[in-house]
mmCIF file of all heavy atoms, coordinates in Angstrom:
data_MODEL
# 
_entry.id   MODEL 
# 
loop_
_atom_site.group_PDB 
_atom_site.id 
_atom_site.type_symbol 
_atom_site.label_atom_id 
_atom_site.label_alt_id 
_atom_site.label_comp_id 
_atom_site.label_asym_id 
_atom_site.label_entity_id 
_atom_site.label_seq_id 
_atom_site.pdbx_PDB_ins_code 
_atom_site.Cartn_x 
_atom_site.Cartn_y 
_atom_site.Cartn_z 
_atom_site.occupancy 
_atom_site.B_iso_or_equiv 
_atom_site.pdbx_formal_charge 
_atom_site.auth_seq_id 
_atom_site.auth_comp_id 
_atom_site.auth_asym_id 
_atom_site.auth_atom_id 
_atom_site.pdbx_PDB_model_num 
ATOM 1   N N   . MET A 1 1  ? -4.176  -4.794  -11.365 1.00 0.00 ? 1  MET A N   1 
ATOM 2   C CA  . MET A 1 1  ? -5.425  -4.720  -10.602 1.00 0.00 ? 1  MET A CA  1 
ATOM 3   C C   . MET A 1 1  ? -6.184  -6.044  -10.684 1.00 0.00 ? 1  MET A C   1 
ATOM 4   O O   . MET A 1 1  ? -6.900  -6.417  -9.760  1.00 0.00 ? 1  MET A O   1 
ATOM 5   C CB  . MET A 1 1  ? -6.308  -3.580  -11.114 1.00 0.00 ? 1  MET A CB  1 
ATOM 6   C CG  . MET A 1 1  ? -5.751  -2.206  -10.799 1.00 0.00 ? 1  MET A CG  1 
ATOM 7   S SD  . MET A 1 1  ? -5.507  -1.904  -9.019  1.00 0.00 ? 1  MET A SD  1 
ATOM 8   C CE  . MET A 1 1  ? -7.188  -1.844  -8.473  1.00 0.00 ? 1  MET A CE  1 
ATOM 9   N N   . ASP A 1 2  ? -6.024  -6.771  -11.796 1.00 0.00 ? 2  ASP A N   1 
ATOM 10  C CA  . ASP A 1 2  ? -6.693  -8.055  -11.953 1.00 0.00 ? 2  ASP A CA  1 
ATOM 11  C C   . ASP A 1 2  ? -5.836  -9.217  -11.466 1.00 0.00 ? 2  ASP A C   1 
ATOM 12  O O   . ASP A 1 2  ? -6.366  -10.260 -11.070 1.00 0.00 ? 2  ASP A O   1 
ATOM 13  C CB  . ASP A 1 2  ? -7.051  -8.288  -13.426 1.00 0.00 ? 2  ASP A CB  1 
ATOM 14  C CG  . ASP A 1 2  ? -8.118  -7.309  -13.913 1.00 0.00 ? 2  ASP A CG  1 
ATOM 15  O OD1 . ASP A 1 2  ? -8.906  -6.826  -13.095 1.00 0.00 ? 2  ASP A OD1 1 
ATOM 16  O OD2 . ASP A 1 2  ? -8.136  -7.038  -15.129 1.00 0.00 ? 2  ASP A OD2 1 
ATOM 17  N N   . VAL A 1 3  ? -4.531  -9.064  -11.492 1.00 0.00 ? 3  VAL A N   1 
ATOM 18  C CA  . VAL A 1 3  ? -3.605  -10.155 -11.156 1.00 0.00 ? 3  VAL A CA  1 
ATOM 19  C C   . VAL A 1 3  ? -3.421  -10.305 -9.651  1.00 0.00 ? 3  VAL A C   1 
ATOM 20  O O   . VAL A 1 3  ? -3.421  -11.424 -9.125  1.00 0.00 ? 3  VAL A O   1 
ATOM 21  C CB  . VAL A 1 3  ? -2.232  -9.930  -11.835 1.00 0.00 ? 3  VAL A CB  1 
ATOM 22  C CG1 . VAL A 1 3  ? -1.210  -10.918 -11.337 1.00 0.00 ? 3  VAL A CG1 1 
ATOM 23  C CG2 . VAL A 1 3  ? -2.377  -10.025 -13.348 1.00 0.00 ? 3  VAL A CG2 1 
ATOM 24  N N   . LEU A 1 4  ? -3.300  -9.193  -8.942  1.00 0.00 ? 4  LEU A N   1 
ATOM 25  C CA  . LEU A 1 4  ? -3.009  -9.250  -7.504  1.00 0.00 ? 4  LEU A CA  1 
ATOM 26  C C   . LEU A 1 4  ? -4.287  -9.475  -6.697  1.00 0.00 ? 4  LEU A C   1 
ATOM 27  O O   . LEU A 1 4  ? -5.342  -8.928  -7.009  1.00 0.00 ? 4  LEU A O   1 
ATOM 28  C CB  . LEU A 1 4  ? -2.363  -7.941  -7.054  1.00 0.00 ? 4  LEU A CB  1 
ATOM 29  C CG  . LEU A 1 4  ? -1.014  -7.593  -7.694  1.00 0.00 ? 4  LEU A CG  1 
ATOM 30  C CD1 . LEU A 1 4  ? -0.558  -6.222  -7.234  1.00 0.00 ? 4  LEU A CD1 1 
ATOM 31  C CD2 . LEU A 1 4  ? 0.025   -8.644  -7.385  1.00 0.00 ? 4  LEU A CD2 1 
ATOM 32  N N   . SER A 1 5  ? -4.153  -10.260 -5.655  1.00 0.00 ? 5  SER A N   1 
ATOM 33  C CA  . SER A 1 5  ? -5.283  -10.444 -4.739  1.00 0.00 ? 5  SER A CA  1 
ATOM 34  C C   . SER A 1 5  ? -5.459  -9.180  -3.903  1.00 0.00 ? 5  SER A C   1 
ATOM 35  O O   . SER A 1 5  ? -4.579  -8.304  -3.867  1.00 0.00 ? 5  SER A O   1 
ATOM 36  C CB  . SER A 1 5  ? -5.019  -11.633 -3.815  1.00 0.00 ? 5  SER A CB  1 
ATOM 37  O OG  . SER A 1 5  ? -4.011  -11.309 -2.862  1.00 0.00 ? 5  SER A OG  1 
ATOM 38  N N   . GLY A 1 6  ? -6.560  -9.088  -3.192  1.00 0.00 ? 6  GLY A N   1 
ATOM 39  C CA  . GLY A 1 6  ? -6.784  -7.927  -2.328  1.00 0.00 ? 6  GLY A CA  1 
ATOM 40  C C   . GLY A 1 6  ? -5.697  -7.774  -1.286  1.00 0.00 ? 6  GLY A C   1 
ATOM 41  O O   . GLY A 1 6  ? -5.203  -6.667  -1.039  1.00 0.00 ? 6  GLY A O   1 
ATOM 42  N N   . GLY A 1 7  ? -5.303  -8.870  -0.666  1.00 0.00 ? 7  GLY A N   1 
ATOM 43  C CA  . GLY A 1 7  ? -4.244  -8.824  0.342   1.00 0.00 ? 7  GLY A CA  1 
ATOM 44  C C   . GLY A 1 7  ? -2.902  -8.415  -0.244  1.00 0.00 ? 7  GLY A C   1 
ATOM 45  O O   . GLY A 1 7  ? -2.128  -7.691  0.378   1.00 0.00 ? 7  GLY A O   1 
ATOM 46  N N   . GLU A 1 8  ? -2.595  -8.903  -1.448  1.00 0.00 ? 8  GLU A N   1 
ATOM 47  C CA  . GLU A 1 8  ? -1.342  -8.520  -2.104  1.00 0.00 ? 8  GLU A CA  1 
ATOM 48  C C   . GLU A 1 8  ? -1.329  -7.039  -2.426  1.00 0.00 ? 8  GLU A C   1 
ATOM 49  O O   . GLU A 1 8  ? -0.308  -6.372  -2.257  1.00 0.00 ? 8  GLU A O   1 
ATOM 50  C CB  . GLU A 1 8  ? -1.148  -9.349  -3.383  1.00 0.00 ? 8  GLU A CB  1 
ATOM 51  C CG  . GLU A 1 8  ? -0.819  -10.798 -3.122  1.00 0.00 ? 8  GLU A CG  1 
ATOM 52  C CD  . GLU A 1 8  ? -0.881  -11.664 -4.364  1.00 0.00 ? 8  GLU A CD  1 
ATOM 53  O OE1 . GLU A 1 8  ? -1.538  -11.295 -5.357  1.00 0.00 ? 8  GLU A OE1 1 
ATOM 54  O OE2 . GLU A 1 8  ? -0.263  -12.751 -4.330  1.00 0.00 ? 8  GLU A OE2 1 
ATOM 55  N N   . LYS A 1 9  ? -2.448  -6.502  -2.863  1.00 0.00 ? 9  LYS A N   1 
ATOM 56  C CA  . LYS A 1 9  ? -2.544  -5.061  -3.147  1.00 0.00 ? 9  LYS A CA  1 
ATOM 57  C C   . LYS A 1 9  ? -2.321  -4.264  -1.868  1.00 0.00 ? 9  LYS A C   1 
ATOM 58  O O   . LYS A 1 9  ? -1.613  -3.253  -1.876  1.00 0.00 ? 9  LYS A O   1 
ATOM 59  C CB  . LYS A 1 9  ? -3.913  -4.716  -3.743  1.00 0.00 ? 9  LYS A CB  1 
ATOM 60  C CG  . LYS A 1 9  ? -4.120  -5.239  -5.132  1.00 0.00 ? 9  LYS A CG  1 
ATOM 61  C CD  . LYS A 1 9  ? -5.555  -4.976  -5.579  1.00 0.00 ? 9  LYS A CD  1 
ATOM 62  C CE  . LYS A 1 9  ? -5.892  -5.759  -6.823  1.00 0.00 ? 9  LYS A CE  1 
ATOM 63  N NZ  . LYS A 1 9  ? -7.316  -5.695  -7.145  1.00 0.00 ? 9  LYS A NZ  1 
ATOM 64  N N   . GLN A 1 10 ? -2.901  -4.713  -0.770  1.00 0.00 ? 10 GLN A N   1 
ATOM 65  C CA  . GLN A 1 10 ? -2.738  -4.004  0.497   1.00 0.00 ? 10 GLN A CA  1 
ATOM 66  C C   . GLN A 1 10 ? -1.293  -4.060  0.965   1.00 0.00 ? 10 GLN A C   1 
ATOM 67  O O   . GLN A 1 10 ? -0.738  -3.051  1.418   1.00 0.00 ? 10 GLN A O   1 
ATOM 68  C CB  . GLN A 1 10 ? -3.672  -4.588  1.557   1.00 0.00 ? 10 GLN A CB  1 
ATOM 69  C CG  . GLN A 1 10 ? -5.119  -4.225  1.285   1.00 0.00 ? 10 GLN A CG  1 
ATOM 70  C CD  . GLN A 1 10 ? -6.076  -4.838  2.275   1.00 0.00 ? 10 GLN A CD  1 
ATOM 71  O OE1 . GLN A 1 10 ? -5.848  -5.931  2.800   1.00 0.00 ? 10 GLN A OE1 1 
ATOM 72  N NE2 . GLN A 1 10 ? -7.160  -4.144  2.536   1.00 0.00 ? 10 GLN A NE2 1 
ATOM 73  N N   . ARG A 1 11 ? -0.641  -5.192  0.850   1.00 0.00 ? 11 ARG A N   1 
ATOM 74  C CA  . ARG A 1 11 ? 0.760   -5.304  1.269   1.00 0.00 ? 11 ARG A CA  1 
ATOM 75  C C   . ARG A 1 11 ? 1.664   -4.450  0.388   1.00 0.00 ? 11 ARG A C   1 
ATOM 76  O O   . ARG A 1 11 ? 2.611   -3.823  0.870   1.00 0.00 ? 11 ARG A O   1 
ATOM 77  C CB  . ARG A 1 11 ? 1.187   -6.766  1.277   1.00 0.00 ? 11 ARG A CB  1 
ATOM 78  C CG  . ARG A 1 11 ? 0.595   -7.517  2.453   1.00 0.00 ? 11 ARG A CG  1 
ATOM 79  C CD  . ARG A 1 11 ? 1.141   -8.933  2.544   1.00 0.00 ? 11 ARG A CD  1 
ATOM 80  N NE  . ARG A 1 11 ? 0.648   -9.767  1.453   1.00 0.00 ? 11 ARG A NE  1 
ATOM 81  C CZ  . ARG A 1 11 ? -0.353  -10.632 1.549   1.00 0.00 ? 11 ARG A CZ  1 
ATOM 82  N NH1 . ARG A 1 11 ? -0.981  -10.784 2.686   1.00 0.00 ? 11 ARG A NH1 1 
ATOM 83  N NH2 . ARG A 1 11 ? -0.714  -11.335 0.510   1.00 0.00 ? 11 ARG A NH2 1 
ATOM 84  N N   . LEU A 1 12 ? 1.351   -4.391  -0.892  1.00 0.00 ? 12 LEU A N   1 
ATOM 85  C CA  . LEU A 1 12 ? 2.128   -3.550  -1.804  1.00 0.00 ? 12 LEU A CA  1 
ATOM 86  C C   . LEU A 1 12 ? 2.002   -2.075  -1.428  1.00 0.00 ? 12 LEU A C   1 
ATOM 87  O O   . LEU A 1 12 ? 2.970   -1.324  -1.439  1.00 0.00 ? 12 LEU A O   1 
ATOM 88  C CB  . LEU A 1 12 ? 1.680   -3.781  -3.250  1.00 0.00 ? 12 LEU A CB  1 
ATOM 89  C CG  . LEU A 1 12 ? 2.475   -3.090  -4.341  1.00 0.00 ? 12 LEU A CG  1 
ATOM 90  C CD1 . LEU A 1 12 ? 3.944   -3.489  -4.298  1.00 0.00 ? 12 LEU A CD1 1 
ATOM 91  C CD2 . LEU A 1 12 ? 1.879   -3.410  -5.701  1.00 0.00 ? 12 LEU A CD2 1 
ATOM 92  N N   . GLU A 1 13 ? 0.799   -1.648  -1.079  1.00 0.00 ? 13 GLU A N   1 
ATOM 93  C CA  . GLU A 1 13 ? 0.586   -0.268  -0.660  1.00 0.00 ? 13 GLU A CA  1 
ATOM 94  C C   . GLU A 1 13 ? 1.370   0.044   0.611   1.00 0.00 ? 13 GLU A C   1 
ATOM 95  O O   . GLU A 1 13 ? 1.965   1.115   0.758   1.00 0.00 ? 13 GLU A O   1 
ATOM 96  C CB  . GLU A 1 13 ? -0.902  0.015   -0.455  1.00 0.00 ? 13 GLU A CB  1 
ATOM 97  C CG  . GLU A 1 13 ? -1.196  1.455   -0.120  1.00 0.00 ? 13 GLU A CG  1 
ATOM 98  C CD  . GLU A 1 13 ? -0.763  2.434   -1.199  1.00 0.00 ? 13 GLU A CD  1 
ATOM 99  O OE1 . GLU A 1 13 ? -0.766  2.074   -2.393  1.00 0.00 ? 13 GLU A OE1 1 
ATOM 100 O OE2 . GLU A 1 13 ? -0.415  3.581   -0.854  1.00 0.00 ? 13 GLU A OE2 1 
ATOM 101 N N   . LEU A 1 14 ? 1.387   -0.885  1.552   1.00 0.00 ? 14 LEU A N   1 
ATOM 102 C CA  . LEU A 1 14 ? 2.162   -0.681  2.773   1.00 0.00 ? 14 LEU A CA  1 
ATOM 103 C C   . LEU A 1 14 ? 3.651   -0.566  2.457   1.00 0.00 ? 14 LEU A C   1 
ATOM 104 O O   . LEU A 1 14 ? 4.347   0.262   3.055   1.00 0.00 ? 14 LEU A O   1 
ATOM 105 C CB  . LEU A 1 14 ? 1.902   -1.816  3.757   1.00 0.00 ? 14 LEU A CB  1 
ATOM 106 C CG  . LEU A 1 14 ? 0.481   -1.872  4.315   1.00 0.00 ? 14 LEU A CG  1 
ATOM 107 C CD1 . LEU A 1 14 ? 0.276   -3.152  5.125   1.00 0.00 ? 14 LEU A CD1 1 
ATOM 108 C CD2 . LEU A 1 14 ? 0.157   -0.653  5.142   1.00 0.00 ? 14 LEU A CD2 1 
ATOM 109 N N   . ALA A 1 15 ? 4.138   -1.324  1.510   1.00 0.00 ? 15 ALA A N   1 
ATOM 110 C CA  . ALA A 1 15 ? 5.542   -1.217  1.088   1.00 0.00 ? 15 ALA A CA  1 
ATOM 111 C C   . ALA A 1 15 ? 5.821   0.151   0.490   1.00 0.00 ? 15 ALA A C   1 
ATOM 112 O O   . ALA A 1 15 ? 6.885   0.735   0.736   1.00 0.00 ? 15 ALA A O   1 
ATOM 113 C CB  . ALA A 1 15 ? 5.885   -2.329  0.091   1.00 0.00 ? 15 ALA A CB  1 
ATOM 114 N N   . ARG A 1 16 ? 4.903   0.688   -0.288  1.00 0.00 ? 16 ARG A N   1 
ATOM 115 C CA  . ARG A 1 16 ? 5.074   2.025   -0.869  1.00 0.00 ? 16 ARG A CA  1 
ATOM 116 C C   . ARG A 1 16 ? 5.221   3.081   0.226   1.00 0.00 ? 16 ARG A C   1 
ATOM 117 O O   . ARG A 1 16 ? 5.997   4.017   0.094   1.00 0.00 ? 16 ARG A O   1 
ATOM 118 C CB  . ARG A 1 16 ? 3.900   2.379   -1.768  1.00 0.00 ? 16 ARG A CB  1 
ATOM 119 C CG  . ARG A 1 16 ? 3.852   1.573   -3.048  1.00 0.00 ? 16 ARG A CG  1 
ATOM 120 C CD  . ARG A 1 16 ? 2.688   1.959   -3.918  1.00 0.00 ? 16 ARG A CD  1 
ATOM 121 N NE  . ARG A 1 16 ? 2.826   3.333   -4.344  1.00 0.00 ? 16 ARG A NE  1 
ATOM 122 C CZ  . ARG A 1 16 ? 1.824   4.197   -4.513  1.00 0.00 ? 16 ARG A CZ  1 
ATOM 123 N NH1 . ARG A 1 16 ? 0.592   3.818   -4.274  1.00 0.00 ? 16 ARG A NH1 1 
ATOM 124 N NH2 . ARG A 1 16 ? 2.051   5.407   -4.920  1.00 0.00 ? 16 ARG A NH2 1 
ATOM 125 N N   . ILE A 1 17 ? 4.478   2.922   1.312   1.00 0.00 ? 17 ILE A N   1 
ATOM 126 C CA  . ILE A 1 17 ? 4.567   3.871   2.425   1.00 0.00 ? 17 ILE A CA  1 
ATOM 127 C C   . ILE A 1 17 ? 5.956   3.825   3.049   1.00 0.00 ? 17 ILE A C   1 
ATOM 128 O O   . ILE A 1 17 ? 6.531   4.861   3.378   1.00 0.00 ? 17 ILE A O   1 
ATOM 129 C CB  . ILE A 1 17 ? 3.483   3.563   3.470   1.00 0.00 ? 17 ILE A CB  1 
ATOM 130 C CG1 . ILE A 1 17 ? 2.110   3.868   2.875   1.00 0.00 ? 17 ILE A CG1 1 
ATOM 131 C CG2 . ILE A 1 17 ? 3.720   4.341   4.760   1.00 0.00 ? 17 ILE A CG2 1 
ATOM 132 C CD1 . ILE A 1 17 ? 0.973   3.262   3.648   1.00 0.00 ? 17 ILE A CD1 1 
ATOM 133 N N   . LEU A 1 18 ? 6.497   2.633   3.204   1.00 0.00 ? 18 LEU A N   1 
ATOM 134 C CA  . LEU A 1 18 ? 7.839   2.499   3.760   1.00 0.00 ? 18 LEU A CA  1 
ATOM 135 C C   . LEU A 1 18 ? 8.883   3.224   2.910   1.00 0.00 ? 18 LEU A C   1 
ATOM 136 O O   . LEU A 1 18 ? 9.825   3.805   3.423   1.00 0.00 ? 18 LEU A O   1 
ATOM 137 C CB  . LEU A 1 18 ? 8.220   1.020   3.894   1.00 0.00 ? 18 LEU A CB  1 
ATOM 138 C CG  . LEU A 1 18 ? 7.392   0.190   4.855   1.00 0.00 ? 18 LEU A CG  1 
ATOM 139 C CD1 . LEU A 1 18 ? 7.807   -1.269  4.775   1.00 0.00 ? 18 LEU A CD1 1 
ATOM 140 C CD2 . LEU A 1 18 ? 7.528   0.698   6.271   1.00 0.00 ? 18 LEU A CD2 1 
ATOM 141 N N   . ILE A 1 19 ? 8.682   3.188   1.618   1.00 0.00 ? 19 ILE A N   1 
ATOM 142 C CA  . ILE A 1 19 ? 9.639   3.816   0.698   1.00 0.00 ? 19 ILE A CA  1 
ATOM 143 C C   . ILE A 1 19 ? 9.454   5.331   0.634   1.00 0.00 ? 19 ILE A C   1 
ATOM 144 O O   . ILE A 1 19 ? 10.414  6.090   0.672   1.00 0.00 ? 19 ILE A O   1 
ATOM 145 C CB  . ILE A 1 19 ? 9.507   3.201   -0.707  1.00 0.00 ? 19 ILE A CB  1 
ATOM 146 C CG1 . ILE A 1 19 ? 9.967   1.735   -0.669  1.00 0.00 ? 19 ILE A CG1 1 
ATOM 147 C CG2 . ILE A 1 19 ? 10.313  3.980   -1.730  1.00 0.00 ? 19 ILE A CG2 1 
ATOM 148 C CD1 . ILE A 1 19 ? 9.603   0.954   -1.912  1.00 0.00 ? 19 ILE A CD1 1 
ATOM 149 N N   . ARG A 1 20 ? 8.207   5.804   0.555   1.00 0.00 ? 20 ARG A N   1 
ATOM 150 C CA  . ARG A 1 20 ? 7.929   7.218   0.328   1.00 0.00 ? 20 ARG A CA  1 
ATOM 151 C C   . ARG A 1 20 ? 7.967   8.082   1.583   1.00 0.00 ? 20 ARG A C   1 
ATOM 152 O O   . ARG A 1 20 ? 8.231   9.272   1.513   1.00 0.00 ? 20 ARG A O   1 
ATOM 153 C CB  . ARG A 1 20 ? 6.594   7.370   -0.361  1.00 0.00 ? 20 ARG A CB  1 
ATOM 154 C CG  . ARG A 1 20 ? 6.608   6.711   -1.740  1.00 0.00 ? 20 ARG A CG  1 
ATOM 155 C CD  . ARG A 1 20 ? 5.409   7.040   -2.483  1.00 0.00 ? 20 ARG A CD  1 
ATOM 156 N NE  . ARG A 1 20 ? 5.361   8.486   -2.667  1.00 0.00 ? 20 ARG A NE  1 
ATOM 157 C CZ  . ARG A 1 20 ? 4.794   9.100   -3.654  1.00 0.00 ? 20 ARG A CZ  1 
ATOM 158 N NH1 . ARG A 1 20 ? 4.206   8.412   -4.568  1.00 0.00 ? 20 ARG A NH1 1 
ATOM 159 N NH2 . ARG A 1 20 ? 4.797   10.405  -3.733  1.00 0.00 ? 20 ARG A NH2 1 
ATOM 160 N N   . ARG A 1 21 ? 7.653   7.519   2.735   1.00 0.00 ? 21 ARG A N   1 
ATOM 161 C CA  . ARG A 1 21 ? 7.610   8.233   4.006   1.00 0.00 ? 21 ARG A CA  1 
ATOM 162 C C   . ARG A 1 21 ? 6.856   9.567   3.928   1.00 0.00 ? 21 ARG A C   1 
ATOM 163 O O   . ARG A 1 21 ? 7.444   10.634  4.071   1.00 0.00 ? 21 ARG A O   1 
ATOM 164 C CB  . ARG A 1 21 ? 9.017   8.456   4.538   1.00 0.00 ? 21 ARG A CB  1 
ATOM 165 C CG  . ARG A 1 21 ? 9.695   7.190   4.934   1.00 0.00 ? 21 ARG A CG  1 
ATOM 166 C CD  . ARG A 1 21 ? 10.958  7.428   5.661   1.00 0.00 ? 21 ARG A CD  1 
ATOM 167 N NE  . ARG A 1 21 ? 11.565  6.151   5.995   1.00 0.00 ? 21 ARG A NE  1 
ATOM 168 C CZ  . ARG A 1 21 ? 12.704  6.052   6.602   1.00 0.00 ? 21 ARG A CZ  1 
ATOM 169 N NH1 . ARG A 1 21 ? 13.390  7.117   6.944   1.00 0.00 ? 21 ARG A NH1 1 
ATOM 170 N NH2 . ARG A 1 21 ? 13.181  4.865   6.882   1.00 0.00 ? 21 ARG A NH2 1 
ATOM 171 N N   . PRO A 1 22 ? 5.551   9.504   3.732   1.00 0.00 ? 22 PRO A N   1 
ATOM 172 C CA  . PRO A 1 22 ? 4.759   10.729  3.646   1.00 0.00 ? 22 PRO A CA  1 
ATOM 173 C C   . PRO A 1 22 ? 4.666   11.432  5.005   1.00 0.00 ? 22 PRO A C   1 
ATOM 174 O O   . PRO A 1 22 ? 4.966   10.851  6.034   1.00 0.00 ? 22 PRO A O   1 
ATOM 175 C CB  . PRO A 1 22 ? 3.385   10.226  3.211   1.00 0.00 ? 22 PRO A CB  1 
ATOM 176 C CG  . PRO A 1 22 ? 3.320   8.847   3.779   1.00 0.00 ? 22 PRO A CG  1 
ATOM 177 C CD  . PRO A 1 22 ? 4.723   8.312   3.663   1.00 0.00 ? 22 PRO A CD  1 
ATOM 178 N N   . GLU A 1 23 ? 4.224   12.688  5.014   1.00 0.00 ? 23 GLU A N   1 
ATOM 179 C CA  . GLU A 1 23 ? 4.038   13.439  6.262   1.00 0.00 ? 23 GLU A CA  1 
ATOM 180 C C   . GLU A 1 23 ? 2.801   12.951  7.007   1.00 0.00 ? 23 GLU A C   1 
ATOM 181 O O   . GLU A 1 23 ? 2.757   12.984  8.238   1.00 0.00 ? 23 GLU A O   1 
ATOM 182 C CB  . GLU A 1 23 ? 3.898   14.923  5.973   1.00 0.00 ? 23 GLU A CB  1 
ATOM 183 C CG  . GLU A 1 23 ? 5.173   15.583  5.487   1.00 0.00 ? 23 GLU A CG  1 
ATOM 184 C CD  . GLU A 1 23 ? 4.971   17.055  5.253   1.00 0.00 ? 23 GLU A CD  1 
ATOM 185 O OE1 . GLU A 1 23 ? 4.350   17.718  6.109   1.00 0.00 ? 23 GLU A OE1 1 
ATOM 186 O OE2 . GLU A 1 23 ? 5.434   17.549  4.217   1.00 0.00 ? 23 GLU A OE2 1 
ATOM 187 N N   . PHE A 1 24 ? 1.778   12.572  6.265   1.00 0.00 ? 24 PHE A N   1 
ATOM 188 C CA  . PHE A 1 24 ? 0.554   12.048  6.886   1.00 0.00 ? 24 PHE A CA  1 
ATOM 189 C C   . PHE A 1 24 ? -0.040  10.989  5.980   1.00 0.00 ? 24 PHE A C   1 
ATOM 190 O O   . PHE A 1 24 ? 0.252   10.928  4.798   1.00 0.00 ? 24 PHE A O   1 
ATOM 191 C CB  . PHE A 1 24 ? -0.471  13.156  7.155   1.00 0.00 ? 24 PHE A CB  1 
ATOM 192 C CG  . PHE A 1 24 ? -0.977  13.817  5.923   1.00 0.00 ? 24 PHE A CG  1 
ATOM 193 C CD1 . PHE A 1 24 ? -2.109  13.343  5.261   1.00 0.00 ? 24 PHE A CD1 1 
ATOM 194 C CD2 . PHE A 1 24 ? -0.326  14.925  5.394   1.00 0.00 ? 24 PHE A CD2 1 
ATOM 195 C CE1 . PHE A 1 24 ? -2.555  13.951  4.111   1.00 0.00 ? 24 PHE A CE1 1 
ATOM 196 C CE2 . PHE A 1 24 ? -0.781  15.540  4.244   1.00 0.00 ? 24 PHE A CE2 1 
ATOM 197 C CZ  . PHE A 1 24 ? -1.897  15.057  3.607   1.00 0.00 ? 24 PHE A CZ  1 
ATOM 198 N N   . ILE A 1 25 ? -0.858  10.153  6.574   1.00 0.00 ? 25 ILE A N   1 
ATOM 199 C CA  . ILE A 1 25 ? -1.465  9.069   5.804   1.00 0.00 ? 25 ILE A CA  1 
ATOM 200 C C   . ILE A 1 25 ? -2.824  8.710   6.407   1.00 0.00 ? 25 ILE A C   1 
ATOM 201 O O   . ILE A 1 25 ? -3.015  8.790   7.618   1.00 0.00 ? 25 ILE A O   1 
ATOM 202 C CB  . ILE A 1 25 ? -0.545  7.844   5.772   1.00 0.00 ? 25 ILE A CB  1 
ATOM 203 C CG1 . ILE A 1 25 ? -1.086  6.808   4.806   1.00 0.00 ? 25 ILE A CG1 1 
ATOM 204 C CG2 . ILE A 1 25 ? -0.328  7.256   7.136   1.00 0.00 ? 25 ILE A CG2 1 
ATOM 205 C CD1 . ILE A 1 25 ? -0.055  5.819   4.347   1.00 0.00 ? 25 ILE A CD1 1 
ATOM 206 N N   . ILE A 1 26 ? -3.762  8.384   5.549   1.00 0.00 ? 26 ILE A N   1 
ATOM 207 C CA  . ILE A 1 26 ? -5.064  7.917   5.975   1.00 0.00 ? 26 ILE A CA  1 
ATOM 208 C C   . ILE A 1 26 ? -5.254  6.515   5.413   1.00 0.00 ? 26 ILE A C   1 
ATOM 209 O O   . ILE A 1 26 ? -5.181  6.305   4.214   1.00 0.00 ? 26 ILE A O   1 
ATOM 210 C CB  . ILE A 1 26 ? -6.193  8.848   5.456   1.00 0.00 ? 26 ILE A CB  1 
ATOM 211 C CG1 . ILE A 1 26 ? -5.997  10.252  6.016   1.00 0.00 ? 26 ILE A CG1 1 
ATOM 212 C CG2 . ILE A 1 26 ? -7.563  8.276   5.837   1.00 0.00 ? 26 ILE A CG2 1 
ATOM 213 C CD1 . ILE A 1 26 ? -6.935  11.285  5.428   1.00 0.00 ? 26 ILE A CD1 1 
ATOM 214 N N   . PHE A 1 27 ? -5.486  5.568   6.315   1.00 0.00 ? 27 PHE A N   1 
ATOM 215 C CA  . PHE A 1 27 ? -5.744  4.186   5.921   1.00 0.00 ? 27 PHE A CA  1 
ATOM 216 C C   . PHE A 1 27 ? -7.238  3.915   6.079   1.00 0.00 ? 27 PHE A C   1 
ATOM 217 O O   . PHE A 1 27 ? -7.810  4.202   7.118   1.00 0.00 ? 27 PHE A O   1 
ATOM 218 C CB  . PHE A 1 27 ? -5.027  3.206   6.854   1.00 0.00 ? 27 PHE A CB  1 
ATOM 219 C CG  . PHE A 1 27 ? -3.551  3.171   6.717   1.00 0.00 ? 27 PHE A CG  1 
ATOM 220 C CD1 . PHE A 1 27 ? -2.733  3.727   7.685   1.00 0.00 ? 27 PHE A CD1 1 
ATOM 221 C CD2 . PHE A 1 27 ? -2.959  2.519   5.649   1.00 0.00 ? 27 PHE A CD2 1 
ATOM 222 C CE1 . PHE A 1 27 ? -1.379  3.657   7.588   1.00 0.00 ? 27 PHE A CE1 1 
ATOM 223 C CE2 . PHE A 1 27 ? -1.589  2.450   5.544   1.00 0.00 ? 27 PHE A CE2 1 
ATOM 224 C CZ  . PHE A 1 27 ? -0.795  3.015   6.517   1.00 0.00 ? 27 PHE A CZ  1 
ATOM 225 N N   . ASP A 1 28 ? -7.855  3.362   5.084   1.00 0.00 ? 28 ASP A N   1 
ATOM 226 C CA  . ASP A 1 28 ? -9.245  2.929   5.188   1.00 0.00 ? 28 ASP A CA  1 
ATOM 227 C C   . ASP A 1 28 ? -9.255  1.409   5.116   1.00 0.00 ? 28 ASP A C   1 
ATOM 228 O O   . ASP A 1 28 ? -9.139  0.814   4.060   1.00 0.00 ? 28 ASP A O   1 
ATOM 229 C CB  . ASP A 1 28 ? -10.083 3.535   4.069   1.00 0.00 ? 28 ASP A CB  1 
ATOM 230 C CG  . ASP A 1 28 ? -11.556 3.196   4.184   1.00 0.00 ? 28 ASP A CG  1 
ATOM 231 O OD1 . ASP A 1 28 ? -11.952 2.570   5.192   1.00 0.00 ? 28 ASP A OD1 1 
ATOM 232 O OD2 . ASP A 1 28 ? -12.310 3.540   3.271   1.00 0.00 ? 28 ASP A OD2 1 
# 
């Protein structure tokens, strides 16, 4: 949480979505 920049955290979260393939998702 301290090492990654905001953009890196967001890109990592998008990668998690690609892997997990949830039924629904809410992006804020």
